[in-house]
N, C-alpha and C. Protein backbone atom coordinates (compact mmCIF):
# COMPACT_ATOMS: atom_id res chain seq x y z
N UNK A 1 157.72 115.32 20.58
CA UNK A 1 157.20 116.01 19.42
C UNK A 1 157.86 115.49 18.14
N UNK A 2 159.07 114.97 18.22
CA UNK A 2 159.76 114.45 17.04
C UNK A 2 159.42 113.00 16.76
N UNK A 3 158.85 112.33 17.74
CA UNK A 3 158.62 110.89 17.61
C UNK A 3 157.80 110.50 16.38
N UNK A 4 156.67 111.15 16.09
CA UNK A 4 155.91 110.73 14.90
C UNK A 4 156.72 110.83 13.61
N UNK A 5 157.52 111.87 13.49
CA UNK A 5 158.36 112.03 12.30
C UNK A 5 159.39 110.92 12.21
N UNK A 6 160.05 110.62 13.33
CA UNK A 6 161.08 109.59 13.34
C UNK A 6 160.49 108.21 13.05
N UNK A 7 159.29 107.95 13.56
CA UNK A 7 158.62 106.69 13.26
C UNK A 7 158.28 106.62 11.77
N UNK A 8 157.78 107.72 11.23
CA UNK A 8 157.39 107.76 9.82
C UNK A 8 158.60 107.58 8.91
N UNK A 9 159.73 108.14 9.29
CA UNK A 9 160.94 108.04 8.48
C UNK A 9 161.63 106.69 8.63
N UNK A 10 161.20 105.89 9.60
CA UNK A 10 161.78 104.57 9.80
C UNK A 10 162.99 104.55 10.70
N UNK A 11 163.20 105.62 11.47
CA UNK A 11 164.34 105.69 12.38
C UNK A 11 164.02 105.12 13.76
N UNK A 12 162.74 104.99 14.09
CA UNK A 12 162.33 104.42 15.38
C UNK A 12 161.32 103.32 15.15
N UNK A 13 161.33 102.33 16.02
CA UNK A 13 160.33 101.27 16.05
C UNK A 13 159.68 101.25 17.42
N UNK A 14 158.40 100.94 17.44
CA UNK A 14 157.71 100.74 18.71
C UNK A 14 157.84 99.26 19.08
N UNK A 15 158.25 99.01 20.30
CA UNK A 15 158.35 97.63 20.77
C UNK A 15 157.71 97.55 22.14
N UNK A 16 157.61 96.35 22.67
CA UNK A 16 157.08 96.19 24.02
C UNK A 16 158.02 96.78 25.06
N UNK A 17 159.28 96.98 24.69
CA UNK A 17 160.27 97.60 25.59
C UNK A 17 160.28 99.11 25.48
N UNK A 18 159.51 99.66 24.56
CA UNK A 18 159.51 101.10 24.33
C UNK A 18 159.94 101.40 22.91
N UNK A 19 160.57 102.53 22.71
CA UNK A 19 161.02 102.92 21.38
C UNK A 19 162.49 102.54 21.21
N UNK A 20 162.82 101.99 20.06
CA UNK A 20 164.21 101.62 19.78
C UNK A 20 164.61 102.16 18.42
N UNK A 21 165.87 102.52 18.29
CA UNK A 21 166.40 102.99 17.01
C UNK A 21 166.54 101.81 16.06
N UNK A 22 166.25 102.05 14.81
CA UNK A 22 166.34 101.02 13.78
C UNK A 22 167.74 101.01 13.16
N UNK A 23 168.08 99.95 12.46
CA UNK A 23 169.37 99.94 11.75
C UNK A 23 169.51 101.11 10.79
N UNK A 24 168.39 101.55 10.21
CA UNK A 24 168.41 102.71 9.30
C UNK A 24 168.90 103.96 10.03
N UNK A 25 168.51 104.14 11.28
CA UNK A 25 168.94 105.30 12.07
C UNK A 25 170.44 105.24 12.32
N UNK A 26 170.94 104.08 12.69
CA UNK A 26 172.38 103.94 12.94
C UNK A 26 173.17 104.20 11.66
N UNK A 27 172.66 103.69 10.54
CA UNK A 27 173.34 103.90 9.26
C UNK A 27 173.36 105.39 8.90
N UNK A 28 172.24 106.07 9.11
CA UNK A 28 172.15 107.49 8.79
C UNK A 28 173.17 108.32 9.58
N UNK A 29 173.33 107.99 10.85
CA UNK A 29 174.25 108.75 11.70
C UNK A 29 175.68 108.22 11.66
N UNK A 30 175.91 107.16 10.88
CA UNK A 30 177.26 106.62 10.73
C UNK A 30 177.77 105.92 11.97
N UNK A 31 176.85 105.34 12.73
CA UNK A 31 177.22 104.63 13.96
C UNK A 31 177.08 103.13 13.76
N UNK A 32 177.90 102.34 14.44
CA UNK A 32 177.72 100.89 14.37
C UNK A 32 176.47 100.48 15.15
N UNK A 33 175.69 99.61 14.56
CA UNK A 33 174.49 99.13 15.24
C UNK A 33 174.88 98.25 16.41
N UNK A 34 174.14 98.31 17.51
CA UNK A 34 174.45 97.46 18.65
C UNK A 34 174.39 95.98 18.25
N UNK A 35 175.30 95.22 18.78
CA UNK A 35 175.33 93.80 18.50
C UNK A 35 176.20 93.43 17.31
N UNK A 36 176.58 94.41 16.52
CA UNK A 36 177.46 94.12 15.39
C UNK A 36 178.90 94.09 15.88
N UNK A 37 179.67 93.18 15.31
CA UNK A 37 181.10 93.07 15.63
C UNK A 37 181.35 92.84 17.11
N UNK A 38 180.45 92.13 17.74
CA UNK A 38 180.64 91.81 19.16
C UNK A 38 180.63 90.30 19.32
N UNK A 39 181.48 89.83 20.17
CA UNK A 39 181.56 88.39 20.40
C UNK A 39 180.40 87.92 21.26
N UNK A 40 180.05 88.67 22.28
CA UNK A 40 178.98 88.25 23.18
C UNK A 40 177.79 89.12 22.94
């Protein structure tokens, strides 16, 4: 039920793998985005 709102706000993206959180969502919640500051 929240998905349309989250998509509209730019917090979720539709991909072939399903729904994924966008960098905007990680920034909003103050979390590091996956893949940042990682060596591998």
